[in-house]
């Protein structure tokens, strides 16, 4: 049986599904006020946890690279679990697309995970068939630069409003 470790980056406590393939890791642990109990922390062993403000969830990926041994590695981004419900294998560089949500928000994910095929045996079956598994891309109609600019501008305006209201 393959050794599979899927890390879920987090900085706060949330529902933990019972699945031996899924491991939550607190990112930025070196900067946190406290360690979340019962999960992994990215400030153990060789790490870049103190650089979390610059590298975000990549501190967990660096930590895994330097400190975890497995046959298969996986990463779920900040409480978002990839659904294993549908598979779209690539053949000759082409994929037959069907519209569906490629991930689940863990803040609303509890109890019966069977509708998402997040049970250990099904996940093992899928993971061991492929070299790479990823979600379908989403077309956002905006570049990363434009998105960052819009959010940065919004944050700047909110901070300005906050300063004015504090006077």
N, C-alpha and C. Protein backbone atom coordinates (compact mmCIF):
# COMPACT_ATOMS: atom_id res chain seq x y z
N UNK A 1 0.85 -1.18 0.00
CA UNK A 1 0.00 0.00 0.00
C UNK A 1 0.90 1.24 0.00
N UNK A 2 0.59 2.18 -0.87
CA UNK A 2 1.38 3.41 -1.01
C UNK A 2 1.23 4.33 0.19
N UNK A 3 2.31 5.04 0.49
CA UNK A 3 2.28 6.05 1.54
C UNK A 3 1.85 7.37 0.91
N UNK A 4 0.64 7.81 1.24
CA UNK A 4 0.06 9.02 0.67
C UNK A 4 -0.15 10.04 1.78
N UNK A 5 0.35 11.23 1.57
CA UNK A 5 0.17 12.31 2.54
C UNK A 5 -0.35 13.54 1.81
N UNK A 6 -1.56 13.95 2.17
CA UNK A 6 -2.16 15.15 1.61
C UNK A 6 -2.23 16.18 2.73
N UNK A 7 -1.52 17.29 2.56
CA UNK A 7 -1.49 18.34 3.57
C UNK A 7 -2.56 19.39 3.27
N UNK A 8 -3.23 19.84 4.32
CA UNK A 8 -4.21 20.91 4.21
C UNK A 8 -3.68 22.08 5.02
N UNK A 9 -3.32 23.15 4.33
CA UNK A 9 -2.79 24.34 5.01
C UNK A 9 -3.89 25.02 5.81
N UNK A 10 -3.53 25.47 7.00
CA UNK A 10 -4.49 26.21 7.83
C UNK A 10 -3.75 27.15 8.75
N UNK A 11 -4.47 28.14 9.22
CA UNK A 11 -3.94 29.04 10.24
C UNK A 11 -4.96 29.18 11.36
N UNK A 12 -6.08 28.42 11.25
CA UNK A 12 -7.09 28.43 12.30
C UNK A 12 -7.69 27.04 12.40
N UNK A 13 -8.36 26.77 13.52
CA UNK A 13 -8.98 25.46 13.71
C UNK A 13 -10.23 25.34 12.85
N UNK A 14 -10.46 24.13 12.32
CA UNK A 14 -11.65 23.85 11.53
C UNK A 14 -11.90 22.35 11.55
N UNK A 15 -13.01 21.95 11.00
CA UNK A 15 -13.41 20.54 10.97
C UNK A 15 -12.32 19.67 10.37
N UNK A 16 -12.05 18.57 11.04
CA UNK A 16 -11.03 17.64 10.57
C UNK A 16 -11.69 16.31 10.18
N UNK A 17 -11.77 16.01 8.90
CA UNK A 17 -12.36 14.74 8.50
C UNK A 17 -11.47 13.58 8.94
N UNK A 18 -12.10 12.47 9.24
CA UNK A 18 -11.34 11.29 9.64
C UNK A 18 -10.92 10.55 8.38
N UNK A 19 -9.71 10.79 7.96
CA UNK A 19 -9.15 10.16 6.78
C UNK A 19 -7.64 10.10 7.00
N UNK A 20 -7.06 8.90 7.02
CA UNK A 20 -5.63 8.78 7.32
C UNK A 20 -4.70 9.33 6.24
N UNK A 21 -5.24 9.76 5.11
CA UNK A 21 -4.42 10.34 4.06
C UNK A 21 -4.28 11.85 4.21
N UNK A 22 -5.17 12.46 5.00
CA UNK A 22 -5.25 13.91 5.09
C UNK A 22 -4.63 14.40 6.41
N UNK A 23 -3.69 15.34 6.29
CA UNK A 23 -2.99 15.89 7.44
C UNK A 23 -3.10 17.41 7.41
N UNK A 24 -3.60 17.99 8.45
CA UNK A 24 -3.64 19.44 8.52
C UNK A 24 -2.29 19.95 9.03
N UNK A 25 -1.85 21.06 8.46
CA UNK A 25 -0.58 21.66 8.89
C UNK A 25 -0.81 23.15 9.11
N UNK A 26 -0.44 23.60 10.28
CA UNK A 26 -0.55 25.02 10.60
C UNK A 26 0.60 25.75 9.94
N UNK A 27 0.26 26.67 9.04
CA UNK A 27 1.28 27.44 8.33
C UNK A 27 1.58 28.72 9.11
N UNK A 28 2.81 29.17 9.01
CA UNK A 28 3.21 30.35 9.77
C UNK A 28 3.25 30.08 11.26
N UNK A 29 3.47 28.83 11.64
CA UNK A 29 3.47 28.46 13.07
C UNK A 29 4.48 29.26 13.88
N UNK A 30 5.62 29.58 13.26
CA UNK A 30 6.66 30.33 13.96
C UNK A 30 6.19 31.75 14.29
N UNK A 31 5.19 32.25 13.59
CA UNK A 31 4.68 33.60 13.81
C UNK A 31 3.40 33.63 14.63
N UNK A 32 2.83 32.45 14.88
CA UNK A 32 1.52 32.36 15.54
C UNK A 32 1.62 32.54 17.05
N UNK A 33 0.52 33.00 17.65
CA UNK A 33 0.46 33.14 19.11
C UNK A 33 0.45 31.78 19.80
N UNK A 34 -0.13 30.77 19.14
CA UNK A 34 -0.18 29.42 19.71
C UNK A 34 -0.22 28.38 18.60
N UNK A 35 0.19 27.17 18.94
CA UNK A 35 0.10 26.05 18.02
C UNK A 35 -1.27 25.40 18.17
N UNK A 36 -1.90 25.09 17.05
CA UNK A 36 -3.16 24.35 17.08
C UNK A 36 -2.83 22.91 17.47
N UNK A 37 -3.53 22.40 18.46
CA UNK A 37 -3.24 21.05 18.95
C UNK A 37 -3.71 19.97 17.99
N UNK A 38 -2.95 18.88 17.93
CA UNK A 38 -3.36 17.70 17.18
C UNK A 38 -3.10 17.75 15.69
N UNK A 39 -2.37 18.77 15.22
CA UNK A 39 -2.05 18.84 13.79
C UNK A 39 -0.55 19.09 13.63
N UNK A 40 -0.08 19.05 12.39
CA UNK A 40 1.32 19.32 12.09
C UNK A 40 1.58 20.83 12.10
N UNK A 41 2.85 21.22 12.24
CA UNK A 41 3.23 22.63 12.25
C UNK A 41 4.44 22.83 11.34
N UNK A 42 4.42 23.90 10.58
CA UNK A 42 5.48 24.11 9.59
C UNK A 42 6.76 24.71 10.17
N UNK A 43 6.84 24.80 11.51
CA UNK A 43 8.06 25.35 12.13
C UNK A 43 8.92 24.27 12.77
N UNK A 44 8.63 22.99 12.48
CA UNK A 44 9.45 21.89 12.99
C UNK A 44 10.49 21.51 11.95
N UNK A 45 11.63 20.97 12.41
CA UNK A 45 12.65 20.54 11.47
C UNK A 45 13.16 21.69 10.61
N UNK A 46 13.61 21.36 9.41
CA UNK A 46 14.06 22.41 8.48
C UNK A 46 12.83 23.10 7.92
N UNK A 47 12.79 24.44 8.02
CA UNK A 47 11.56 25.14 7.65
C UNK A 47 11.82 26.60 7.28
N UNK A 48 10.79 27.21 6.68
CA UNK A 48 10.79 28.64 6.38
C UNK A 48 9.53 29.28 6.97
N UNK A 49 9.06 28.75 8.06
CA UNK A 49 7.81 29.19 8.68
C UNK A 49 7.78 30.69 8.94
N UNK A 50 8.91 31.26 9.34
CA UNK A 50 8.96 32.70 9.64
C UNK A 50 8.74 33.56 8.39
N UNK A 51 8.84 32.96 7.22
CA UNK A 51 8.64 33.70 5.97
C UNK A 51 7.21 33.55 5.45
N UNK A 52 6.29 33.07 6.29
CA UNK A 52 4.92 32.82 5.84
C UNK A 52 4.23 34.05 5.29
N UNK A 53 4.53 35.22 5.82
CA UNK A 53 3.88 36.44 5.30
C UNK A 53 4.24 36.69 3.83
N UNK A 54 5.39 36.19 3.41
CA UNK A 54 5.79 36.35 2.02
C UNK A 54 5.43 35.15 1.15
N UNK A 55 5.44 33.95 1.75
CA UNK A 55 5.27 32.74 0.96
C UNK A 55 3.96 31.99 1.20
N UNK A 56 3.16 32.43 2.16
CA UNK A 56 1.84 31.83 2.44
C UNK A 56 1.95 30.31 2.58
N UNK A 57 1.03 29.56 1.91
CA UNK A 57 0.99 28.10 2.07
C UNK A 57 2.22 27.39 1.52
N UNK A 58 3.07 28.10 0.79
CA UNK A 58 4.30 27.47 0.30
C UNK A 58 5.23 27.09 1.44
N UNK A 59 5.04 27.69 2.63
CA UNK A 59 5.86 27.28 3.78
C UNK A 59 5.55 25.84 4.16
N UNK A 60 4.30 25.40 3.96
CA UNK A 60 3.93 24.00 4.22
C UNK A 60 4.54 23.08 3.17
N UNK A 61 4.56 23.53 1.92
CA UNK A 61 5.14 22.70 0.87
C UNK A 61 6.65 22.56 1.07
N UNK A 62 7.32 23.64 1.46
CA UNK A 62 8.75 23.57 1.76
C UNK A 62 8.98 22.61 2.93
N UNK A 63 8.16 22.76 3.97
CA UNK A 63 8.31 21.91 5.15
C UNK A 63 8.15 20.44 4.77
N UNK A 64 7.15 20.13 3.95
CA UNK A 64 6.93 18.74 3.53
C UNK A 64 8.12 18.22 2.72
N UNK A 65 8.63 19.04 1.82
CA UNK A 65 9.77 18.66 1.01
C UNK A 65 10.96 18.27 1.88
N UNK A 66 11.21 19.05 2.93
CA UNK A 66 12.38 18.83 3.77
C UNK A 66 12.17 17.82 4.91
N UNK A 67 10.90 17.56 5.30
CA UNK A 67 10.68 16.80 6.53
C UNK A 67 9.76 15.58 6.40
N UNK A 68 9.03 15.41 5.32
CA UNK A 68 8.09 14.28 5.18
C UNK A 68 8.55 13.29 4.13
N UNK A 69 8.36 12.04 4.41
CA UNK A 69 8.62 11.00 3.43
C UNK A 69 7.28 10.39 3.02
N UNK A 70 7.05 10.26 1.71
CA UNK A 70 5.83 9.65 1.20
C UNK A 70 6.06 9.23 -0.24
N UNK A 71 5.20 8.34 -0.72
CA UNK A 71 5.22 7.96 -2.13
C UNK A 71 4.47 8.98 -2.97
N UNK A 72 3.41 9.54 -2.38
CA UNK A 72 2.59 10.56 -3.05
C UNK A 72 2.36 11.71 -2.08
N UNK A 73 2.51 12.93 -2.58
CA UNK A 73 2.25 14.13 -1.79
C UNK A 73 1.08 14.88 -2.40
N UNK A 74 0.28 15.51 -1.56
CA UNK A 74 -0.81 16.33 -2.05
C UNK A 74 -0.94 17.56 -1.18
N UNK A 75 -1.52 18.61 -1.74
CA UNK A 75 -1.71 19.85 -1.01
C UNK A 75 -3.09 20.40 -1.30
N UNK A 76 -3.82 20.68 -0.24
CA UNK A 76 -5.11 21.36 -0.35
C UNK A 76 -4.89 22.75 0.24
N UNK A 77 -5.41 23.74 -0.42
CA UNK A 77 -5.14 25.13 -0.08
C UNK A 77 -6.14 25.66 0.94
N UNK A 78 -5.65 26.05 2.10
CA UNK A 78 -6.44 26.70 3.15
C UNK A 78 -7.88 26.20 3.28
N UNK A 79 -8.02 25.03 3.78
CA UNK A 79 -9.32 24.44 4.11
C UNK A 79 -10.17 24.11 2.88
N UNK A 80 -9.59 24.12 1.70
CA UNK A 80 -10.33 23.77 0.49
C UNK A 80 -9.92 22.35 0.09
N UNK A 81 -10.88 21.46 0.11
CA UNK A 81 -10.63 20.06 -0.21
C UNK A 81 -11.02 19.78 -1.66
N UNK A 82 -10.12 19.18 -2.42
CA UNK A 82 -10.45 18.80 -3.78
C UNK A 82 -11.44 17.64 -3.74
N UNK A 83 -12.50 17.75 -4.48
CA UNK A 83 -13.47 16.67 -4.57
C UNK A 83 -12.93 15.58 -5.49
N UNK A 84 -13.04 14.34 -5.06
CA UNK A 84 -12.63 13.21 -5.89
C UNK A 84 -13.84 12.58 -6.57
N UNK A 85 -14.95 13.30 -6.59
CA UNK A 85 -16.21 12.79 -7.12
C UNK A 85 -16.13 12.48 -8.60
N UNK A 86 -15.54 13.36 -9.38
CA UNK A 86 -15.46 13.15 -10.83
C UNK A 86 -14.01 13.22 -11.27
N UNK A 87 -13.67 12.37 -12.22
CA UNK A 87 -12.33 12.38 -12.79
C UNK A 87 -12.44 12.72 -14.27
N UNK A 88 -11.51 13.53 -14.74
CA UNK A 88 -11.46 13.89 -16.14
C UNK A 88 -10.05 13.61 -16.66
N UNK A 89 -9.73 12.34 -16.95
CA UNK A 89 -8.38 12.04 -17.43
C UNK A 89 -8.07 12.77 -18.73
N UNK A 90 -6.82 13.14 -18.90
CA UNK A 90 -6.36 13.80 -20.11
C UNK A 90 -5.90 12.72 -21.08
N UNK A 91 -6.41 12.78 -22.32
CA UNK A 91 -6.01 11.84 -23.37
C UNK A 91 -5.55 12.65 -24.57
N UNK A 92 -4.35 12.39 -25.01
CA UNK A 92 -3.77 13.14 -26.14
C UNK A 92 -3.86 14.64 -25.92
N UNK A 93 -3.66 15.07 -24.69
CA UNK A 93 -3.66 16.49 -24.38
C UNK A 93 -5.03 17.14 -24.34
N UNK A 94 -6.11 16.36 -24.42
CA UNK A 94 -7.46 16.93 -24.43
C UNK A 94 -8.26 16.36 -23.27
N UNK A 95 -9.18 17.18 -22.77
CA UNK A 95 -10.01 16.78 -21.64
C UNK A 95 -11.47 17.10 -21.99
N UNK A 96 -12.36 16.20 -21.63
CA UNK A 96 -13.79 16.44 -21.83
C UNK A 96 -14.31 17.14 -20.58
N UNK A 97 -14.64 18.40 -20.71
CA UNK A 97 -15.04 19.20 -19.56
C UNK A 97 -16.51 19.07 -19.25
N UNK A 98 -16.81 19.01 -17.97
CA UNK A 98 -18.17 19.11 -17.45
C UNK A 98 -18.09 20.14 -16.34
N UNK A 99 -19.07 20.96 -16.20
CA UNK A 99 -19.02 22.02 -15.18
C UNK A 99 -19.38 21.45 -13.82
N UNK A 100 -18.54 21.66 -12.86
CA UNK A 100 -18.77 21.24 -11.48
C UNK A 100 -17.80 22.00 -10.60
N UNK A 101 -18.05 22.01 -9.31
CA UNK A 101 -17.17 22.70 -8.38
C UNK A 101 -15.99 21.79 -8.06
N UNK A 102 -14.77 22.22 -8.36
CA UNK A 102 -13.61 21.34 -8.18
C UNK A 102 -13.12 21.20 -6.75
N UNK A 103 -13.60 22.05 -5.85
CA UNK A 103 -13.15 21.93 -4.47
C UNK A 103 -14.28 22.29 -3.52
N UNK A 104 -14.09 21.95 -2.25
CA UNK A 104 -15.09 22.15 -1.21
C UNK A 104 -14.49 22.99 -0.11
N UNK A 105 -15.25 23.92 0.41
CA UNK A 105 -14.79 24.74 1.53
C UNK A 105 -14.97 23.96 2.82
N UNK A 106 -13.91 23.75 3.57
CA UNK A 106 -13.98 22.95 4.79
C UNK A 106 -14.81 23.62 5.88
N UNK A 107 -14.98 24.95 5.80
CA UNK A 107 -15.78 25.63 6.81
C UNK A 107 -17.23 25.14 6.79
N UNK A 108 -17.67 24.58 5.66
CA UNK A 108 -19.03 24.06 5.58
C UNK A 108 -19.03 22.56 5.33
N UNK A 109 -17.91 21.92 5.45
CA UNK A 109 -17.76 20.49 5.17
C UNK A 109 -17.73 19.73 6.49
N UNK A 110 -18.74 18.94 6.74
CA UNK A 110 -18.76 18.13 7.96
C UNK A 110 -19.53 16.85 7.72
N UNK A 111 -19.29 15.87 8.59
CA UNK A 111 -20.07 14.65 8.58
C UNK A 111 -19.77 13.74 7.42
N UNK A 112 -20.80 13.35 6.69
CA UNK A 112 -20.71 12.38 5.62
C UNK A 112 -19.97 12.96 4.40
N UNK A 113 -18.79 12.43 4.13
CA UNK A 113 -18.00 12.91 3.01
C UNK A 113 -18.21 12.09 1.74
N UNK A 114 -19.08 11.07 1.81
CA UNK A 114 -19.27 10.18 0.66
C UNK A 114 -19.73 10.89 -0.61
N UNK A 115 -20.54 11.98 -0.55
CA UNK A 115 -20.91 12.65 -1.80
C UNK A 115 -19.71 13.22 -2.55
N UNK A 116 -18.57 13.38 -1.89
CA UNK A 116 -17.38 13.98 -2.49
C UNK A 116 -16.29 12.94 -2.76
N UNK A 117 -16.58 11.69 -2.46
CA UNK A 117 -15.61 10.61 -2.63
C UNK A 117 -14.28 10.91 -1.95
N UNK A 118 -14.36 11.42 -0.74
CA UNK A 118 -13.15 11.69 0.05
C UNK A 118 -12.83 10.57 1.02
N UNK A 119 -13.33 9.37 0.73
CA UNK A 119 -12.99 8.24 1.59
C UNK A 119 -11.64 7.67 1.16
N UNK A 120 -10.93 7.10 2.11
CA UNK A 120 -9.55 6.66 1.90
C UNK A 120 -9.40 5.73 0.70
N UNK A 121 -10.21 4.69 0.60
CA UNK A 121 -10.01 3.69 -0.45
C UNK A 121 -10.24 4.28 -1.85
N UNK A 122 -11.25 5.09 -2.00
CA UNK A 122 -11.49 5.71 -3.31
C UNK A 122 -10.35 6.66 -3.66
N UNK A 123 -9.91 7.46 -2.71
CA UNK A 123 -8.81 8.38 -2.96
C UNK A 123 -7.55 7.63 -3.36
N UNK A 124 -7.24 6.54 -2.64
CA UNK A 124 -6.08 5.72 -2.99
C UNK A 124 -6.18 5.22 -4.43
N UNK A 125 -7.35 4.71 -4.78
CA UNK A 125 -7.56 4.17 -6.12
C UNK A 125 -7.28 5.23 -7.19
N UNK A 126 -7.77 6.43 -6.99
CA UNK A 126 -7.57 7.51 -7.96
C UNK A 126 -6.11 7.97 -7.97
N UNK A 127 -5.56 8.25 -6.79
CA UNK A 127 -4.20 8.79 -6.69
C UNK A 127 -3.17 7.85 -7.31
N UNK A 128 -3.29 6.57 -7.07
CA UNK A 128 -2.28 5.62 -7.54
C UNK A 128 -2.33 5.39 -9.05
N UNK A 129 -3.35 5.90 -9.74
CA UNK A 129 -3.46 5.74 -11.19
C UNK A 129 -2.71 6.81 -11.98
N UNK A 130 -2.41 7.95 -11.34
CA UNK A 130 -1.92 9.11 -12.08
C UNK A 130 -0.62 9.66 -11.50
N UNK A 131 0.13 10.34 -12.35
CA UNK A 131 1.34 11.04 -11.89
C UNK A 131 0.98 12.38 -11.27
N UNK A 132 -0.03 13.06 -11.83
CA UNK A 132 -0.44 14.37 -11.34
C UNK A 132 -1.96 14.41 -11.33
N UNK A 133 -2.51 14.95 -10.27
CA UNK A 133 -3.95 15.19 -10.17
C UNK A 133 -4.14 16.65 -9.79
N UNK A 134 -5.02 17.33 -10.48
CA UNK A 134 -5.27 18.73 -10.19
C UNK A 134 -6.74 19.04 -10.46
N UNK A 135 -7.17 20.20 -10.03
CA UNK A 135 -8.54 20.63 -10.31
C UNK A 135 -8.59 21.27 -11.69
N UNK A 136 -9.78 21.37 -12.23
CA UNK A 136 -9.96 22.08 -13.49
C UNK A 136 -9.72 23.56 -13.26
N UNK A 137 -9.15 24.21 -14.24
CA UNK A 137 -8.92 25.64 -14.10
C UNK A 137 -10.24 26.39 -14.22
N UNK A 138 -10.27 27.56 -13.63
CA UNK A 138 -11.43 28.41 -13.72
C UNK A 138 -11.05 29.65 -14.53
N UNK A 139 -11.86 30.00 -15.51
CA UNK A 139 -11.60 31.20 -16.30
C UNK A 139 -12.14 32.40 -15.54
N UNK A 140 -11.27 33.31 -15.16
CA UNK A 140 -11.64 34.42 -14.28
C UNK A 140 -11.91 35.73 -15.02
N UNK A 141 -11.63 35.80 -16.31
CA UNK A 141 -11.78 37.03 -17.10
C UNK A 141 -10.98 38.20 -16.53
N UNK A 142 -9.91 37.90 -15.81
CA UNK A 142 -9.06 38.94 -15.25
C UNK A 142 -7.67 38.33 -15.02
N UNK A 143 -6.62 39.09 -15.26
CA UNK A 143 -5.27 38.59 -15.01
C UNK A 143 -4.99 38.63 -13.51
N UNK A 144 -3.97 37.92 -13.09
CA UNK A 144 -3.58 37.94 -11.67
C UNK A 144 -3.18 39.37 -11.27
N UNK A 145 -2.51 40.09 -12.17
CA UNK A 145 -2.13 41.47 -11.88
C UNK A 145 -3.36 42.33 -11.64
N UNK A 146 -4.35 42.22 -12.54
CA UNK A 146 -5.56 43.02 -12.40
C UNK A 146 -6.31 42.68 -11.11
N UNK A 147 -6.37 41.40 -10.79
CA UNK A 147 -7.04 40.98 -9.55
C UNK A 147 -6.31 41.55 -8.33
N UNK A 148 -5.00 41.45 -8.32
CA UNK A 148 -4.22 41.98 -7.21
C UNK A 148 -4.39 43.50 -7.10
N UNK A 149 -4.37 44.17 -8.24
CA UNK A 149 -4.54 45.62 -8.26
C UNK A 149 -5.89 46.02 -7.68
N UNK A 150 -6.95 45.33 -8.09
CA UNK A 150 -8.30 45.64 -7.60
C UNK A 150 -8.40 45.41 -6.09
N UNK A 151 -7.87 44.27 -5.63
CA UNK A 151 -7.93 43.96 -4.20
C UNK A 151 -7.05 44.92 -3.42
N UNK A 152 -5.85 45.20 -3.93
CA UNK A 152 -4.95 46.13 -3.26
C UNK A 152 -5.55 47.52 -3.15
N UNK A 153 -6.20 47.97 -4.23
CA UNK A 153 -6.86 49.27 -4.22
C UNK A 153 -8.00 49.29 -3.20
N UNK A 154 -8.78 48.21 -3.16
CA UNK A 154 -9.89 48.12 -2.21
C UNK A 154 -9.37 48.13 -0.77
N UNK A 155 -8.31 47.37 -0.51
CA UNK A 155 -7.73 47.34 0.84
C UNK A 155 -7.21 48.72 1.22
N UNK A 156 -6.56 49.40 0.28
CA UNK A 156 -6.07 50.75 0.54
C UNK A 156 -7.19 51.71 0.91
N UNK A 157 -8.31 51.63 0.18
CA UNK A 157 -9.45 52.50 0.48
C UNK A 157 -10.06 52.16 1.84
N UNK A 158 -10.14 50.86 2.16
CA UNK A 158 -10.70 50.47 3.46
C UNK A 158 -9.82 50.95 4.61
N UNK A 159 -8.50 50.84 4.45
CA UNK A 159 -7.59 51.31 5.49
C UNK A 159 -7.70 52.81 5.66
N UNK A 160 -7.85 53.54 4.55
CA UNK A 160 -8.02 54.99 4.63
C UNK A 160 -9.30 55.33 5.38
N UNK A 161 -10.39 54.62 5.07
CA UNK A 161 -11.66 54.84 5.78
C UNK A 161 -11.53 54.54 7.26
N UNK A 162 -10.78 53.50 7.58
CA UNK A 162 -10.59 53.13 8.98
C UNK A 162 -9.83 54.24 9.72
N UNK A 163 -8.78 54.77 9.10
CA UNK A 163 -8.00 55.84 9.72
C UNK A 163 -8.86 57.08 9.94
N UNK A 164 -9.69 57.41 8.95
CA UNK A 164 -10.57 58.58 9.08
C UNK A 164 -11.57 58.36 10.20
N UNK A 165 -12.14 57.15 10.31
CA UNK A 165 -13.16 56.88 11.33
C UNK A 165 -12.55 56.83 12.73
N UNK A 166 -11.24 56.55 12.82
CA UNK A 166 -10.59 56.49 14.14
C UNK A 166 -10.27 57.87 14.68
N UNK A 167 -10.31 58.90 13.84
CA UNK A 167 -9.96 60.26 14.28
C UNK A 167 -11.06 60.89 15.08
